[in-house]
Amino acid sequence: MIHEHSIALTDFARQVARLIARAGGAALFIDYGRDEPGYGDTLQALRRHEKEHPLSNPGEADLTAHVDFPAFAAAAEAQGGATGPIRRQGEFLRSLGVETRAAELARARPDRADVIARQLERLIGPDHMGILFKAVCLHSPGLAPPGFEP
């Protein structure tokens, strides 16, 4: 079993949480990653929008790893920050009205309606970014940011 842990990720969460606890406000984080703790290798390489083995072409591919959002949230909360639920990007954007906004844009620009529909599907579709990408909001205690209300 592989367990990944990013000290840089948890240190960053703690720094932002301390700042927000002191000054107030909120910070939104969206990236691809986990919404539940788990095991597994998330290191991957992308080159020309295609996955490849991370050691196949050193220096020519972008290396990345899935964000461990539960660890990020736990580190932030330990420093006095509050977090709402970890939301899938599709759910989060729908809660903010992305489908209504896309429909308005398509009505205003019928010549771009097909492009708008494809872009919307890419953002919220389950086979695209809608499930793979997650959103979490680190905020002052007592604040209920849009899309993260209890």
Protein backbone atom coordinates (compact mmCIF):
# COMPACT_ATOMS: atom_id res chain seq x y z
CA MET A 1 0.00 0.00 0.00
CA ILE A 2 1.23 3.49 -0.83
CA HIS A 3 0.56 6.43 1.49
CA GLU A 4 1.44 9.86 0.16
CA HIS A 5 1.87 12.86 2.43
CA SER A 6 2.85 16.35 1.39
CA ILE A 7 4.49 18.42 4.10
CA ALA A 8 4.39 21.44 1.76
CA LEU A 9 0.61 21.06 1.40
CA THR A 10 -0.09 20.89 5.13
CA ASP A 11 2.38 23.70 5.89
CA PHE A 12 0.66 25.89 3.31
CA ALA A 13 -2.77 25.10 4.79
CA ARG A 14 -1.54 26.05 8.25
CA GLN A 15 -0.06 29.35 7.00
CA VAL A 16 -3.26 30.37 5.22
CA ALA A 17 -5.37 29.33 8.21
CA ARG A 18 -3.28 31.44 10.59
CA LEU A 19 -3.63 34.44 8.30
CA ILE A 20 -7.39 34.03 7.97
CA ALA A 21 -7.82 33.42 11.71
CA ARG A 22 -5.94 36.68 12.37
CA ALA A 23 -7.33 38.89 9.57
CA GLY A 24 -10.64 37.23 8.66
CA GLY A 25 -11.89 36.31 5.22
CA ALA A 26 -11.87 33.24 3.05
CA ALA A 27 -9.73 31.43 0.48
CA LEU A 28 -11.03 29.08 -2.22
CA PHE A 29 -8.95 26.14 -3.43
CA ILE A 30 -9.86 24.10 -6.51
CA ASP A 31 -7.70 21.32 -7.92
CA TYR A 32 -7.90 17.65 -8.70
CA GLY A 33 -7.58 15.35 -5.75
CA ARG A 34 -9.21 13.31 -3.04
CA ASP A 35 -12.27 14.19 -1.01
CA GLU A 36 -11.72 11.28 1.40
CA PRO A 37 -8.55 9.98 3.04
CA GLY A 38 -7.03 7.08 1.18
CA TYR A 39 -4.06 5.17 -0.06
CA GLY A 40 -2.62 5.04 -3.53
CA ASP A 41 -0.08 6.56 -5.83
CA THR A 42 -1.27 9.85 -7.28
CA LEU A 43 2.01 10.97 -8.88
CA GLN A 44 1.54 11.40 -12.59
CA ALA A 45 3.17 12.96 -15.59
CA LEU A 46 1.36 14.80 -18.37
CA ARG A 47 2.92 15.68 -21.69
CA ARG A 48 0.95 17.17 -24.57
CA HIS A 49 -2.28 16.52 -22.60
CA GLU A 50 -1.52 12.79 -22.36
CA LYS A 51 -0.57 10.73 -19.30
CA GLU A 52 2.77 8.98 -19.33
CA HIS A 53 5.07 7.30 -16.83
CA PRO A 54 6.70 9.97 -14.62
CA LEU A 55 10.21 8.79 -15.54
CA SER A 56 9.67 8.30 -19.28
CA ASN A 57 10.75 11.78 -20.40
CA PRO A 58 12.45 13.65 -17.54
CA GLY A 59 12.20 17.39 -17.98
CA GLU A 60 9.68 17.16 -20.81
CA ALA A 61 6.51 16.30 -18.89
CA ASP A 62 4.65 18.14 -16.14
CA LEU A 63 4.78 16.21 -12.89
CA THR A 64 1.82 16.51 -10.57
CA ALA A 65 0.02 14.74 -7.76
CA HIS A 66 -3.56 14.72 -6.53
CA VAL A 67 -4.25 17.07 -3.63
CA ASP A 68 -5.12 15.39 -0.35
CA PHE A 69 -7.99 17.74 0.51
CA PRO A 70 -8.84 16.01 3.83
CA ALA A 71 -5.24 16.50 5.05
CA PHE A 72 -5.32 20.11 3.81
CA ALA A 73 -8.58 20.80 5.68
CA ALA A 74 -7.39 19.08 8.88
CA ALA A 75 -4.15 21.09 8.93
CA ALA A 76 -6.08 24.34 8.41
CA GLU A 77 -8.61 23.52 11.13
CA ALA A 78 -5.79 22.74 13.58
CA GLN A 79 -4.66 26.36 13.19
CA GLY A 80 -8.08 27.90 13.85
CA GLY A 81 -9.41 28.04 10.32
CA ALA A 82 -12.78 26.66 9.39
CA THR A 83 -13.58 24.67 6.27
CA GLY A 84 -16.84 23.76 4.68
CA PRO A 85 -17.42 20.41 3.07
CA ILE A 86 -15.07 19.29 0.33
CA ARG A 87 -17.22 19.61 -2.79
CA ARG A 88 -16.84 18.09 -6.22
CA GLN A 89 -16.30 20.85 -8.75
CA GLY A 90 -19.48 20.05 -10.67
CA GLU A 91 -21.62 20.22 -7.52
CA PHE A 92 -19.89 23.39 -6.36
CA LEU A 93 -20.33 25.22 -9.68
CA ARG A 94 -23.96 24.08 -9.95
CA SER A 95 -24.66 25.46 -6.48
CA LEU A 96 -23.36 28.83 -7.71
CA GLY A 97 -25.64 28.75 -10.77
CA VAL A 98 -23.15 27.90 -13.53
CA GLU A 99 -25.83 26.25 -15.68
CA THR A 100 -28.06 29.33 -15.53
CA ARG A 101 -25.10 31.57 -16.38
CA ALA A 102 -24.09 29.35 -19.31
CA ALA A 103 -27.66 29.47 -20.66
CA GLU A 104 -27.65 33.27 -20.41
CA LEU A 105 -24.33 33.45 -22.25
CA ALA A 106 -25.62 31.11 -24.97
CA ARG A 107 -28.75 33.26 -25.43
CA ALA A 108 -26.61 36.40 -25.67
CA ARG A 109 -24.17 34.74 -28.10
CA PRO A 110 -26.04 32.09 -30.11
CA ASP A 111 -23.04 31.89 -32.44
CA ARG A 112 -21.01 30.59 -29.45
CA ALA A 113 -23.70 28.32 -27.92
CA ASP A 114 -21.94 25.09 -28.96
CA VAL A 115 -18.62 26.26 -27.49
CA ILE A 116 -20.31 27.37 -24.26
CA ALA A 117 -22.06 23.99 -23.95
CA ARG A 118 -18.75 22.12 -24.48
CA GLN A 119 -16.97 24.30 -21.93
CA LEU A 120 -19.77 23.83 -19.40
CA GLU A 121 -19.63 20.06 -19.88
CA ARG A 122 -15.85 20.11 -19.39
CA LEU A 123 -16.23 22.01 -16.10
CA ILE A 124 -19.11 20.04 -14.56
CA GLY A 125 -19.37 16.75 -16.46
CA PRO A 126 -18.63 13.56 -14.54
CA ASP A 127 -16.31 12.34 -17.30
CA HIS A 128 -14.33 15.57 -17.23
CA MET A 129 -13.50 17.97 -14.38
CA GLY A 130 -16.83 17.71 -12.55
CA ILE A 131 -15.85 14.82 -10.29
CA LEU A 132 -12.05 14.70 -10.55
CA PHE A 133 -11.65 18.32 -9.41
CA LYS A 134 -12.60 19.25 -5.85
CA ALA A 135 -13.22 22.58 -4.13
CA VAL A 136 -12.65 23.51 -0.51
CA CYS A 137 -13.03 26.87 1.19
CA LEU A 138 -10.87 27.84 4.14
CA HIS A 139 -12.62 30.65 6.02
CA SER A 140 -13.11 32.52 9.27
CA PRO A 141 -15.19 30.65 11.84
CA GLY A 142 -18.84 31.64 11.57
CA LEU A 143 -18.61 32.63 7.90
CA ALA A 144 -20.70 30.62 5.42
CA PRO A 145 -19.19 31.20 1.96
CA PRO A 146 -21.48 30.63 -1.06
CA GLY A 147 -21.39 27.04 -2.21
CA PHE A 148 -20.19 25.83 1.18
CA GLU A 149 -23.18 26.62 3.39
CA PRO A 150 -23.92 23.93 5.98
